[in-house]
Amino acid sequence: MFLKEANLSSIEREMVRLIAREYPDQLIAQHLNKTEKDVKIHIASIGKKLNAKTRAEIVTKAYRYQLLP
C-alpha cells in the first residue's frame, strides 16, 4: 500500500508526518493553521483509514505501508 492508495488527504498525509515526529495536537494545529479540534477530527479519520486506534499504531502502520520514508 502506498500513501495515495490509503486515500489520505494531503492534510492527513502531512499530519501523519508530524505525528511521526511526535508533534502534539497543538503544534500540529499551529503548523497547519488549523484548530486543535480539526486536528483531532483528522487524526480520527486517519485512524479509521489505517485501522489504527492510537497515534503509535498510526505511525507503525504508516511505516509498514511505506507511507513514511
N, C-alpha and C. Protein backbone atom coordinates (compact mmCIF):
# COMPACT_ATOMS: atom_id res chain seq x y z
N MET A 1 0.85 -1.18 0.00
CA MET A 1 0.00 0.00 0.00
C MET A 1 0.89 1.23 0.00
N PHE A 2 0.57 2.17 -0.84
CA PHE A 2 1.30 3.43 -0.88
C PHE A 2 0.39 4.53 -0.38
N LEU A 3 0.97 5.69 -0.11
CA LEU A 3 0.26 6.79 0.51
C LEU A 3 -1.03 7.15 -0.22
N LYS A 4 -0.98 7.26 -1.54
CA LYS A 4 -2.18 7.64 -2.28
C LYS A 4 -3.25 6.56 -2.19
N GLU A 5 -2.83 5.30 -2.11
CA GLU A 5 -3.78 4.20 -2.03
C GLU A 5 -4.49 4.16 -0.68
N ALA A 6 -3.92 4.79 0.32
CA ALA A 6 -4.55 4.82 1.64
C ALA A 6 -5.71 5.82 1.66
N ASN A 7 -5.88 6.56 0.58
CA ASN A 7 -6.94 7.57 0.47
C ASN A 7 -6.84 8.65 1.53
N LEU A 8 -5.63 8.99 1.89
CA LEU A 8 -5.43 10.09 2.84
C LEU A 8 -5.36 11.40 2.06
N SER A 9 -5.99 12.42 2.62
CA SER A 9 -5.91 13.74 2.01
C SER A 9 -4.51 14.30 2.22
N SER A 10 -4.19 15.37 1.53
CA SER A 10 -2.86 15.96 1.68
C SER A 10 -2.64 16.44 3.12
N ILE A 11 -3.68 16.97 3.73
CA ILE A 11 -3.58 17.40 5.13
C ILE A 11 -3.31 16.19 6.03
N GLU A 12 -4.03 15.09 5.79
CA GLU A 12 -3.83 13.88 6.60
C GLU A 12 -2.43 13.32 6.40
N ARG A 13 -1.92 13.36 5.18
CA ARG A 13 -0.56 12.88 4.94
C ARG A 13 0.46 13.70 5.73
N GLU A 14 0.27 15.02 5.73
CA GLU A 14 1.17 15.88 6.49
C GLU A 14 1.02 15.61 7.99
N MET A 15 -0.18 15.38 8.45
CA MET A 15 -0.40 15.08 9.87
C MET A 15 0.30 13.79 10.26
N VAL A 16 0.26 12.79 9.40
CA VAL A 16 0.97 11.54 9.69
C VAL A 16 2.46 11.82 9.88
N ARG A 17 3.02 12.65 9.03
CA ARG A 17 4.44 13.01 9.16
C ARG A 17 4.71 13.71 10.49
N LEU A 18 3.83 14.61 10.87
CA LEU A 18 4.01 15.35 12.13
C LEU A 18 3.79 14.46 13.35
N ILE A 19 2.83 13.55 13.25
CA ILE A 19 2.59 12.59 14.34
C ILE A 19 3.84 11.74 14.53
N ALA A 20 4.45 11.32 13.42
CA ALA A 20 5.67 10.51 13.50
C ALA A 20 6.81 11.28 14.16
N ARG A 21 6.79 12.59 14.04
CA ARG A 21 7.80 13.44 14.69
C ARG A 21 7.42 13.78 16.12
N GLU A 22 6.32 13.17 16.59
CA GLU A 22 5.83 13.33 17.96
C GLU A 22 5.32 14.73 18.27
N TYR A 23 4.80 15.42 17.25
CA TYR A 23 4.19 16.72 17.50
C TYR A 23 2.88 16.51 18.26
N PRO A 24 2.64 17.31 19.30
CA PRO A 24 1.33 17.27 19.96
C PRO A 24 0.28 17.97 19.09
N ASP A 25 -0.97 17.74 19.40
CA ASP A 25 -2.07 18.33 18.61
C ASP A 25 -1.93 19.84 18.46
N GLN A 26 -1.54 20.51 19.53
CA GLN A 26 -1.43 21.97 19.49
C GLN A 26 -0.40 22.42 18.45
N LEU A 27 0.74 21.77 18.40
CA LEU A 27 1.76 22.15 17.43
C LEU A 27 1.36 21.78 16.00
N ILE A 28 0.67 20.64 15.86
CA ILE A 28 0.16 20.27 14.52
C ILE A 28 -0.81 21.34 14.05
N ALA A 29 -1.69 21.77 14.94
CA ALA A 29 -2.67 22.80 14.60
C ALA A 29 -1.98 24.09 14.18
N GLN A 30 -0.98 24.51 14.93
CA GLN A 30 -0.25 25.73 14.59
C GLN A 30 0.48 25.59 13.26
N HIS A 31 1.12 24.45 13.06
CA HIS A 31 1.89 24.21 11.84
C HIS A 31 1.01 24.22 10.60
N LEU A 32 -0.21 23.69 10.73
CA LEU A 32 -1.12 23.57 9.58
C LEU A 32 -2.20 24.65 9.56
N ASN A 33 -2.12 25.59 10.50
CA ASN A 33 -3.11 26.66 10.59
C ASN A 33 -4.54 26.11 10.72
N LYS A 34 -4.69 25.16 11.62
CA LYS A 34 -5.98 24.53 11.91
C LYS A 34 -6.27 24.68 13.39
N THR A 35 -7.48 24.34 13.79
CA THR A 35 -7.79 24.31 15.22
C THR A 35 -7.42 22.93 15.77
N GLU A 36 -7.25 22.85 17.08
CA GLU A 36 -6.96 21.55 17.70
C GLU A 36 -8.10 20.58 17.46
N LYS A 37 -9.33 21.09 17.44
CA LYS A 37 -10.48 20.23 17.17
C LYS A 37 -10.39 19.63 15.76
N ASP A 38 -10.00 20.46 14.79
CA ASP A 38 -9.82 19.96 13.42
C ASP A 38 -8.76 18.86 13.38
N VAL A 39 -7.67 19.07 14.11
CA VAL A 39 -6.59 18.09 14.16
C VAL A 39 -7.11 16.76 14.72
N LYS A 40 -7.86 16.83 15.81
CA LYS A 40 -8.41 15.61 16.41
C LYS A 40 -9.34 14.87 15.44
N ILE A 41 -10.13 15.62 14.70
CA ILE A 41 -11.04 15.02 13.71
C ILE A 41 -10.24 14.33 12.61
N HIS A 42 -9.20 15.00 12.12
CA HIS A 42 -8.36 14.41 11.07
C HIS A 42 -7.63 13.17 11.58
N ILE A 43 -7.12 13.22 12.80
CA ILE A 43 -6.41 12.07 13.35
C ILE A 43 -7.36 10.88 13.49
N ALA A 44 -8.59 11.14 13.90
CA ALA A 44 -9.59 10.07 13.99
C ALA A 44 -9.85 9.47 12.60
N SER A 45 -9.92 10.33 11.60
CA SER A 45 -10.13 9.87 10.23
C SER A 45 -8.95 9.03 9.74
N ILE A 46 -7.75 9.48 10.03
CA ILE A 46 -6.55 8.72 9.66
C ILE A 46 -6.59 7.35 10.33
N GLY A 47 -6.93 7.34 11.59
CA GLY A 47 -7.01 6.08 12.34
C GLY A 47 -7.99 5.10 11.70
N LYS A 48 -9.13 5.60 11.29
CA LYS A 48 -10.12 4.73 10.63
C LYS A 48 -9.59 4.20 9.31
N LYS A 49 -8.97 5.08 8.54
CA LYS A 49 -8.46 4.67 7.22
C LYS A 49 -7.33 3.66 7.33
N LEU A 50 -6.53 3.77 8.38
CA LEU A 50 -5.41 2.85 8.55
C LEU A 50 -5.73 1.72 9.54
N ASN A 51 -6.95 1.72 10.04
CA ASN A 51 -7.37 0.73 11.04
C ASN A 51 -6.42 0.76 12.24
N ALA A 52 -6.20 1.97 12.75
CA ALA A 52 -5.30 2.19 13.88
C ALA A 52 -6.07 2.91 14.99
N LYS A 53 -5.86 2.48 16.22
CA LYS A 53 -6.58 3.06 17.35
C LYS A 53 -5.79 4.14 18.09
N THR A 54 -4.49 4.13 17.95
CA THR A 54 -3.65 5.09 18.67
C THR A 54 -2.70 5.78 17.70
N ARG A 55 -2.09 6.85 18.17
CA ARG A 55 -1.10 7.56 17.36
C ARG A 55 0.09 6.64 17.06
N ALA A 56 0.46 5.83 18.04
CA ALA A 56 1.57 4.89 17.84
C ALA A 56 1.24 3.89 16.73
N GLU A 57 0.00 3.42 16.71
CA GLU A 57 -0.41 2.50 15.64
C GLU A 57 -0.43 3.19 14.28
N ILE A 58 -0.84 4.45 14.26
CA ILE A 58 -0.83 5.21 13.00
C ILE A 58 0.58 5.26 12.46
N VAL A 59 1.55 5.57 13.31
CA VAL A 59 2.95 5.68 12.87
C VAL A 59 3.48 4.31 12.45
N THR A 60 3.19 3.29 13.24
CA THR A 60 3.65 1.93 12.90
C THR A 60 3.12 1.50 11.55
N LYS A 61 1.83 1.70 11.33
CA LYS A 61 1.23 1.30 10.05
C LYS A 61 1.72 2.18 8.91
N ALA A 62 1.96 3.43 9.20
CA ALA A 62 2.46 4.33 8.15
C ALA A 62 3.83 3.85 7.66
N TYR A 63 4.69 3.42 8.58
CA TYR A 63 5.98 2.87 8.16
C TYR A 63 5.79 1.52 7.46
N ARG A 64 4.94 0.68 8.01
CA ARG A 64 4.71 -0.65 7.43
C ARG A 64 4.19 -0.55 6.00
N TYR A 65 3.30 0.40 5.75
CA TYR A 65 2.70 0.56 4.42
C TYR A 65 3.48 1.54 3.55
N GLN A 66 4.68 1.88 4.00
CA GLN A 66 5.57 2.79 3.26
C GLN A 66 4.94 4.16 3.02
N LEU A 67 4.21 4.63 4.02
CA LEU A 67 3.62 5.96 3.95
C LEU A 67 4.60 7.01 4.45
N LEU A 68 5.63 6.56 5.14
CA LEU A 68 6.69 7.44 5.63
C LEU A 68 8.03 6.92 5.14
N PRO A 69 8.96 7.83 4.88
CA PRO A 69 10.30 7.38 4.41
C PRO A 69 11.08 6.67 5.48
